[in-house]
C-alpha cells in the first residue's frame, strides 16, 4: 500500500510541476517585461549622463582653446602693426630696438618659444629663440629659409589683420625634429608698410604642451 502511494506521488510530480509552470510563467511574464524595461531605461539614463558629461568636458576644453587662441591672435596683430617694425622694414633703422622689443615680449609671454620675421621670399630676417628663463637673438648665419612652409605661404596671401594658425606639429631645426619634442602651433600674419604694401610675414611659435596639459586636467 505504501509503495503504491509512493509510486502515485512520484508519477504525479511531473504533472504538478508542469501545471505550476503553465500558470506561474504567464503570471511572471509581465513582471519580467517590466524588469527589462526598467533595466533598459537605467542603461539609457546612464549613457545619457556619460554623454552629457563628455559634451560638457568638450565644451569647456573648446572654450579654453578659443580664448587662448584669441589672445594669440591679438598678440600677432599687435606685433605686426608696431611702428618700430614698420620703420625697420621701410628704412632698415631701429633694428636693435626691434630686437630688444621682441626679446622683452618673449620673456613676458612665455607661451611663445620663437618670434620670427620673414621677408618676401620667406627667409628669416629676425628670429628670437625663447625659453622659460631667457630669450636670445639668433645670429644672421643661423637664420633659415622658410619660403616653402605653409604657414608662410598662407600668411603671405592673407588679408591685412588675418592670422593663420597651423596644426599642432613638432618643432624642427634645420629640418630635424627638435629633441626633446616640442609641440607647437605656428601663428603667422602678413605685415604691410605705411603705403599698404605687403612686405613681410610675422610668425609666432606658440608652445602647445602647456595647453595640452591644461586640457588634460578637465574631466
C-alpha atoms as a PDB file:
ATOM      1  CA  UNK A   1       0.000   0.000   0.000  1.00  0.00           C
ATOM      2  CA  UNK A   2       2.793   2.326   0.970  1.00  0.00           C
ATOM      3  CA  UNK A   3       4.607   1.503  -2.222  1.00  0.00           C
ATOM      4  CA  UNK A   4       1.527   2.343  -4.276  1.00  0.00           C
ATOM      5  CA  UNK A   5       1.179   5.753  -2.681  1.00  0.00           C
ATOM      6  CA  UNK A   6       4.860   6.447  -3.242  1.00  0.00           C
ATOM      7  CA  UNK A   7       4.566   5.371  -6.853  1.00  0.00           C
ATOM      8  CA  UNK A   8       1.449   7.516  -7.384  1.00  0.00           C
ATOM      9  CA  UNK A   9       3.076  10.521  -5.735  1.00  0.00           C
ATOM     10  CA  UNK A  10       6.140  10.120  -7.873  1.00  0.00           C
ATOM     11  CA  UNK A  11       4.102   9.864 -11.063  1.00  0.00           C
ATOM     12  CA  UNK A  12       2.121  12.987 -10.177  1.00  0.00           C
ATOM     13  CA  UNK A  13       5.217  15.164  -9.529  1.00  0.00           C
ATOM     14  CA  UNK A  14       5.969  15.998 -13.185  1.00  0.00           C
ATOM     15  CA  UNK A  15       2.333  16.823 -13.789  1.00  0.00           C
ATOM     16  CA  UNK A  16       2.226  19.152 -10.791  1.00  0.00           C
ATOM     17  CA  UNK A  17       5.413  20.889 -11.893  1.00  0.00           C
ATOM     18  CA  UNK A  18       4.113  21.225 -15.429  1.00  0.00           C
ATOM     19  CA  UNK A  19       0.799  22.694 -14.302  1.00  0.00           C
ATOM     20  CA  UNK A  20       2.590  25.038 -11.906  1.00  0.00           C
ATOM     21  CA  UNK A  21       4.784  26.321 -14.703  1.00  0.00           C
ATOM     22  CA  UNK A  22       1.822  26.747 -17.008  1.00  0.00           C
ATOM     23  CA  UNK A  23       0.118  29.038 -14.507  1.00  0.00           C
ATOM     24  CA  UNK A  24       3.257  30.604 -12.965  1.00  0.00           C
ATOM     25  CA  UNK A  25       5.154  31.668 -16.098  1.00  0.00           C
ATOM     26  CA  UNK A  26       2.346  33.710 -17.662  1.00  0.00           C
ATOM     27  CA  UNK A  27       1.859  35.427 -14.320  1.00  0.00           C
ATOM     28  CA  UNK A  28       5.586  36.277 -14.168  1.00  0.00           C
ATOM     29  CA  UNK A  29       5.794  37.429 -17.779  1.00  0.00           C
ATOM     30  CA  UNK A  30       4.540  40.998 -17.156  1.00  0.00           C
ATOM     31  CA  UNK A  31       6.935  41.313 -14.246  1.00  0.00           C
ATOM     32  CA  UNK A  32       9.814  40.136 -16.416  1.00  0.00           C
ATOM     33  CA  UNK A  33       8.897  42.653 -19.124  1.00  0.00           C
ATOM     34  CA  UNK A  34       8.700  45.395 -16.505  1.00  0.00           C
ATOM     35  CA  UNK A  35      12.157  44.493 -15.172  1.00  0.00           C
ATOM     36  CA  UNK A  36      13.617  44.534 -18.688  1.00  0.00           C
ATOM     37  CA  UNK A  37      12.062  47.940 -19.399  1.00  0.00           C
ATOM     38  CA  UNK A  38      13.372  49.351 -16.117  1.00  0.00           C
ATOM     39  CA  UNK A  39      16.857  47.992 -16.836  1.00  0.00           C
ATOM     40  CA  UNK A  40      16.881  49.444 -20.342  1.00  0.00           C
ATOM     41  CA  UNK A  41      15.787  52.828 -19.032  1.00  0.00           C
ATOM     42  CA  UNK A  42      18.519  52.804 -16.398  1.00  0.00           C
ATOM     43  CA  UNK A  43      21.121  51.900 -19.013  1.00  0.00           C
ATOM     44  CA  UNK A  44      19.849  54.658 -21.325  1.00  0.00           C
ATOM     45  CA  UNK A  45      19.883  57.174 -18.469  1.00  0.00           C
ATOM     46  CA  UNK A  46      23.452  56.196 -17.565  1.00  0.00           C
ATOM     47  CA  UNK A  47      24.580  56.505 -21.178  1.00  0.00           C
ATOM     48  CA  UNK A  48      22.856  59.881 -21.462  1.00  0.00           C
ATOM     49  CA  UNK A  49      24.600  61.056 -18.288  1.00  0.00           C
ATOM     50  CA  UNK A  50      28.003  59.992 -19.627  1.00  0.00           C
ATOM     51  CA  UNK A  51      27.227  61.645 -22.948  1.00  0.00           C
ATOM     52  CA  UNK A  52      26.269  64.912 -21.258  1.00  0.00           C
ATOM     53  CA  UNK A  53      29.419  64.827 -19.134  1.00  0.00           C
ATOM     54  CA  UNK A  54      31.500  64.198 -22.230  1.00  0.00           C
ATOM     55  CA  UNK A  55      29.846  67.035 -24.128  1.00  0.00           C
ATOM     56  CA  UNK A  56      30.326  69.351 -21.160  1.00  0.00           C
ATOM     57  CA  UNK A  57      34.025  68.449 -20.983  1.00  0.00           C
ATOM     58  CA  UNK A  58      34.479  69.025 -24.702  1.00  0.00           C
ATOM     59  CA  UNK A  59      32.691  72.382 -24.447  1.00  0.00           C
ATOM     60  CA  UNK A  60      34.925  73.520 -21.575  1.00  0.00           C
ATOM     61  CA  UNK A  61      38.041  72.428 -23.478  1.00  0.00           C
ATOM     62  CA  UNK A  62      36.849  74.168 -26.640  1.00  0.00           C
ATOM     63  CA  UNK A  63      36.257  77.393 -24.698  1.00  0.00           C
ATOM     64  CA  UNK A  64      39.781  77.230 -23.264  1.00  0.00           C
ATOM     65  CA  UNK A  65      41.311  76.749 -26.723  1.00  0.00           C
ATOM     66  CA  UNK A  66      39.132  79.512 -28.185  1.00  0.00           C
ATOM     67  CA  UNK A  67      40.125  82.044 -25.510  1.00  0.00           C
ATOM     68  CA  UNK A  68      43.787  81.073 -25.721  1.00  0.00           C
ATOM     69  CA  UNK A  69      43.946  81.405 -29.492  1.00  0.00           C
ATOM     70  CA  UNK A  70      42.029  84.671 -29.408  1.00  0.00           C
ATOM     71  CA  UNK A  71      44.743  86.078 -27.143  1.00  0.00           C
ATOM     72  CA  UNK A  72      47.413  84.724 -29.509  1.00  0.00           C
ATOM     73  CA  UNK A  73      45.634  86.333 -32.461  1.00  0.00           C
ATOM     74  CA  UNK A  74      45.653  89.654 -30.631  1.00  0.00           C
ATOM     75  CA  UNK A  75      49.392  89.349 -29.920  1.00  0.00           C
ATOM     76  CA  UNK A  76      50.191  88.628 -33.561  1.00  0.00           C
ATOM     77  CA  UNK A  77      48.183  91.611 -34.789  1.00  0.00           C
ATOM     78  CA  UNK A  78      49.783  93.883 -32.209  1.00  0.00           C
ATOM     79  CA  UNK A  79      53.322  92.933 -33.207  1.00  0.00           C
ATOM     80  CA  UNK A  80      52.534  93.207 -36.918  1.00  0.00           C
ATOM     81  CA  UNK A  81      51.310  96.794 -36.531  1.00  0.00           C
ATOM     82  CA  UNK A  82      54.123  98.171 -34.352  1.00  0.00           C
ATOM     83  CA  UNK A  83      55.543 101.445 -35.599  1.00  0.00           C
ATOM     84  CA  UNK A  84      59.089 100.350 -34.825  1.00  0.00           C
ATOM     85  CA  UNK A  85      58.622  97.335 -37.108  1.00  0.00           C
ATOM     86  CA  UNK A  86      57.348  99.485 -39.958  1.00  0.00           C
ATOM     87  CA  UNK A  87      60.313 101.856 -39.507  1.00  0.00           C
ATOM     88  CA  UNK A  88      62.724  98.920 -39.707  1.00  0.00           C
ATOM     89  CA  UNK A  89      61.081  97.487 -42.805  1.00  0.00           C
ATOM     90  CA  UNK A  90      60.966 100.884 -44.540  1.00  0.00           C
ATOM     91  CA  UNK A  91      64.407 102.289 -43.681  1.00  0.00           C
ATOM     92  CA  UNK A  92      66.361  99.454 -42.058  1.00  0.00           C
ATOM     93  CA  UNK A  93      66.780 101.595 -38.941  1.00  0.00           C
ATOM     94  CA  UNK A  94      65.953 100.657 -35.343  1.00  0.00           C
ATOM     95  CA  UNK A  95      66.889  97.005 -35.781  1.00  0.00           C
ATOM     96  CA  UNK A  96      68.462  96.837 -32.316  1.00  0.00           C
ATOM     97  CA  UNK A  97      65.413  98.457 -30.725  1.00  0.00           C
ATOM     98  CA  UNK A  98      63.146  95.985 -32.527  1.00  0.00           C
ATOM     99  CA  UNK A  99      65.225  93.031 -31.333  1.00  0.00           C
ATOM    100  CA  UNK A 100      65.089  94.366 -27.806  1.00  0.00           C
ATOM    101  CA  UNK A 101      61.316  94.728 -28.072  1.00  0.00           C
ATOM    102  CA  UNK A 102      60.940  91.135 -29.283  1.00  0.00           C
ATOM    103  CA  UNK A 103      63.230  89.744 -26.565  1.00  0.00           C
ATOM    104  CA  UNK A 104      61.221  91.579 -23.930  1.00  0.00           C
ATOM    105  CA  UNK A 105      57.950  90.364 -25.420  1.00  0.00           C
ATOM    106  CA  UNK A 106      59.201  86.767 -25.413  1.00  0.00           C
ATOM    107  CA  UNK A 107      60.275  86.975 -21.775  1.00  0.00           C
ATOM    108  CA  UNK A 108      56.938  88.414 -20.694  1.00  0.00           C
ATOM    109  CA  UNK A 109      54.939  85.967 -22.811  1.00  0.00           C
ATOM    110  CA  UNK A 110      56.449  82.579 -22.012  1.00  0.00           C
ATOM    111  CA  UNK A 111      53.891  80.809 -24.202  1.00  0.00           C
ATOM    112  CA  UNK A 112      55.985  81.639 -27.259  1.00  0.00           C
ATOM    113  CA  UNK A 113      59.265  79.871 -27.968  1.00  0.00           C
ATOM    114  CA  UNK A 114      60.079  81.825 -31.151  1.00  0.00           C
ATOM    115  CA  UNK A 115      59.343  85.183 -32.746  1.00  0.00           C
ATOM    116  CA  UNK A 116      60.321  85.460 -36.391  1.00  0.00           C
ATOM    117  CA  UNK A 117      60.135  87.984 -39.193  1.00  0.00           C
ATOM    118  CA  UNK A 118      60.241  86.552 -42.724  1.00  0.00           C
ATOM    119  CA  UNK A 119      60.910  88.586 -45.847  1.00  0.00           C
ATOM    120  CA  UNK A 120      59.036  88.393 -49.147  1.00  0.00           C
ATOM    121  CA  UNK A 121      60.825  85.156 -50.059  1.00  0.00           C
ATOM    122  CA  UNK A 122      60.235  83.522 -46.706  1.00  0.00           C
ATOM    123  CA  UNK A 123      63.781  83.991 -45.433  1.00  0.00           C
ATOM    124  CA  UNK A 124      64.209  84.722 -41.737  1.00  0.00           C
ATOM    125  CA  UNK A 125      65.298  88.310 -41.221  1.00  0.00           C
ATOM    126  CA  UNK A 126      64.884  88.348 -37.457  1.00  0.00           C
ATOM    127  CA  UNK A 127      64.475  85.444 -35.094  1.00  0.00           C
ATOM    128  CA  UNK A 128      64.217  85.308 -31.317  1.00  0.00           C
ATOM    129  CA  UNK A 129      64.522  81.989 -29.506  1.00  0.00           C
ATOM    130  CA  UNK A 130      62.965  81.945 -26.056  1.00  0.00           C
ATOM    131  CA  UNK A 131      62.986  79.611 -23.077  1.00  0.00           C
ATOM    132  CA  UNK A 132      61.291  79.846 -19.707  1.00  0.00           C
ATOM    133  CA  UNK A 133      64.280  81.753 -18.351  1.00  0.00           C
ATOM    134  CA  UNK A 134      65.670  83.802 -21.201  1.00  0.00           C
ATOM    135  CA  UNK A 135      65.411  84.963 -24.798  1.00  0.00           C
ATOM    136  CA  UNK A 136      68.162  85.409 -27.350  1.00  0.00           C
ATOM    137  CA  UNK A 137      68.666  86.790 -30.833  1.00  0.00           C
ATOM    138  CA  UNK A 138      69.712  84.222 -33.429  1.00  0.00           C
ATOM    139  CA  UNK A 139      72.802  85.263 -35.363  1.00  0.00           C
ATOM    140  CA  UNK A 140      72.410  86.034 -39.097  1.00  0.00           C
ATOM    141  CA  UNK A 141      74.464  82.944 -40.016  1.00  0.00           C
ATOM    142  CA  UNK A 142      71.886  80.676 -38.335  1.00  0.00           C
ATOM    143  CA  UNK A 143      68.798  82.207 -39.923  1.00  0.00           C
ATOM    144  CA  UNK A 144      66.882  79.814 -42.164  1.00  0.00           C
ATOM    145  CA  UNK A 145      64.797  79.858 -45.336  1.00  0.00           C
ATOM    146  CA  UNK A 146      61.117  79.067 -44.729  1.00  0.00           C
ATOM    147  CA  UNK A 147      59.613  80.052 -48.071  1.00  0.00           C
ATOM    148  CA  UNK A 148      58.282  76.538 -48.707  1.00  0.00           C
ATOM    149  CA  UNK A 149      56.346  76.326 -45.448  1.00  0.00           C
ATOM    150  CA  UNK A 150      52.579  76.537 -45.463  1.00  0.00           C
ATOM    151  CA  UNK A 151      52.479  78.963 -42.555  1.00  0.00           C
ATOM    152  CA  UNK A 152      54.482  81.436 -44.672  1.00  0.00           C
ATOM    153  CA  UNK A 153      52.663  80.882 -47.983  1.00  0.00           C
ATOM    154  CA  UNK A 154      49.178  81.108 -46.488  1.00  0.00           C
ATOM    155  CA  UNK A 155      50.012  84.212 -44.458  1.00  0.00           C
ATOM    156  CA  UNK A 156      51.704  85.920 -47.393  1.00  0.00           C
ATOM    157  CA  UNK A 157      48.495  85.813 -49.418  1.00  0.00           C
ATOM    158  CA  UNK A 158      46.183  86.627 -46.471  1.00  0.00           C
ATOM    159  CA  UNK A 159      44.485  89.983 -45.991  1.00  0.00           C
ATOM    160  CA  UNK A 160      45.756  92.562 -43.545  1.00  0.00           C
ATOM    161  CA  UNK A 161      44.867  91.618 -39.984  1.00  0.00           C
ATOM    162  CA  UNK A 162      44.277  87.958 -40.854  1.00  0.00           C
ATOM    163  CA  UNK A 163      46.015  85.433 -38.615  1.00  0.00           C
ATOM    164  CA  UNK A 164      46.848  81.925 -39.831  1.00  0.00           C
ATOM    165  CA  UNK A 165      47.124  79.001 -37.413  1.00  0.00           C
ATOM    166  CA  UNK A 166      48.986  75.844 -38.370  1.00  0.00           C
ATOM    167  CA  UNK A 167      48.090  72.435 -36.990  1.00  0.00           C
ATOM    168  CA  UNK A 168      49.875  71.111 -33.911  1.00  0.00           C
ATOM    169  CA  UNK A 169      53.293  69.928 -35.011  1.00  0.00           C
ATOM    170  CA  UNK A 170      56.695  69.137 -33.560  1.00  0.00           C
ATOM    171  CA  UNK A 171      59.215  71.934 -33.790  1.00  0.00           C
ATOM    172  CA  UNK A 172      62.064  71.410 -36.249  1.00  0.00           C
ATOM    173  CA  UNK A 173      65.517  72.910 -36.533  1.00  0.00           C
ATOM    174  CA  UNK A 174      67.230  72.708 -39.931  1.00  0.00           C
ATOM    175  CA  UNK A 175      64.744  70.043 -40.999  1.00  0.00           C
ATOM    176  CA  UNK A 176      65.264  67.824 -37.945  1.00  0.00           C
ATOM    177  CA  UNK A 177      62.669  67.357 -35.200  1.00  0.00           C
ATOM    178  CA  UNK A 178      63.881  69.035 -32.030  1.00  0.00           C
ATOM    179  CA  UNK A 179      64.583  66.750 -29.047  1.00  0.00           C
ATOM    180  CA  UNK A 180      63.062  66.721 -26.509  1.00  0.00           C
ATOM    181  CA  UNK A 181      59.881  67.020 -28.535  1.00  0.00           C
ATOM    182  CA  UNK A 182      58.291  70.431 -28.533  1.00  0.00           C
ATOM    183  CA  UNK A 183      54.715  70.554 -29.886  1.00  0.00           C
ATOM    184  CA  UNK A 184      53.972  73.976 -31.355  1.00  0.00           C
ATOM    185  CA  UNK A 185      51.369  75.891 -33.324  1.00  0.00           C
ATOM    186  CA  UNK A 186      52.833  78.364 -35.784  1.00  0.00           C
ATOM    187  CA  UNK A 187      50.840  81.577 -35.847  1.00  0.00           C
ATOM    188  CA  UNK A 188      51.532  83.879 -38.779  1.00  0.00           C
ATOM    189  CA  UNK A 189      50.184  87.151 -40.133  1.00  0.00           C
ATOM    190  CA  UNK A 190      51.164  89.403 -43.065  1.00  0.00           C
ATOM    191  CA  UNK A 191      52.915  92.689 -42.428  1.00  0.00           C
ATOM    192  CA  UNK A 192      52.195  95.785 -44.535  1.00  0.00           C
ATOM    193  CA  UNK A 193      54.158  99.005 -44.729  1.00  0.00           C
ATOM    194  CA  UNK A 194      52.739 102.527 -44.375  1.00  0.00           C
ATOM    195  CA  UNK A 195      51.773 102.519 -48.056  1.00  0.00           C
ATOM    196  CA  UNK A 196      49.742  99.338 -47.713  1.00  0.00           C
ATOM    197  CA  UNK A 197      52.329  97.201 -49.499  1.00  0.00           C
ATOM    198  CA  UNK A 198      52.813  93.610 -48.353  1.00  0.00           C
ATOM    199  CA  UNK A 199      56.432  93.371 -47.173  1.00  0.00           C
ATOM    200  CA  UNK A 200      56.870  90.581 -44.624  1.00  0.00           C
ATOM    201  CA  UNK A 201      55.311  87.838 -42.511  1.00  0.00           C
ATOM    202  CA  UNK A 202      55.439  87.736 -38.734  1.00  0.00           C
ATOM    203  CA  UNK A 203      55.490  84.262 -37.153  1.00  0.00           C
ATOM    204  CA  UNK A 204      54.982  83.273 -33.522  1.00  0.00           C
ATOM    205  CA  UNK A 205      55.730  79.719 -32.405  1.00  0.00           C
ATOM    206  CA  UNK A 206      53.130  79.005 -29.734  1.00  0.00           C
ATOM    207  CA  UNK A 207      54.081  76.289 -27.243  1.00  0.00           C
ATOM    208  CA  UNK A 208      51.422  73.594 -27.287  1.00  0.00           C
ATOM    209  CA  UNK A 209      52.423  71.468 -24.297  1.00  0.00           C
ATOM    210  CA  UNK A 210      51.114  73.813 -21.563  1.00  0.00           C
ATOM    211  CA  UNK A 211      47.769  73.984 -23.359  1.00  0.00           C
ATOM    212  CA  UNK A 212      47.621  70.182 -23.749  1.00  0.00           C
ATOM    213  CA  UNK A 213      48.435  69.760 -20.053  1.00  0.00           C
ATOM    214  CA  UNK A 214      45.659  72.165 -19.101  1.00  0.00           C
ATOM    215  CA  UNK A 215      43.136  70.354 -21.283  1.00  0.00           C
ATOM    216  CA  UNK A 216      44.030  67.022 -19.678  1.00  0.00           C
ATOM    217  CA  UNK A 217      43.059  68.365 -16.260  1.00  0.00           C
ATOM    218  CA  UNK A 218      39.484  68.913 -17.445  1.00  0.00           C
ATOM    219  CA  UNK A 219      37.400  65.839 -16.673  1.00  0.00           C
END
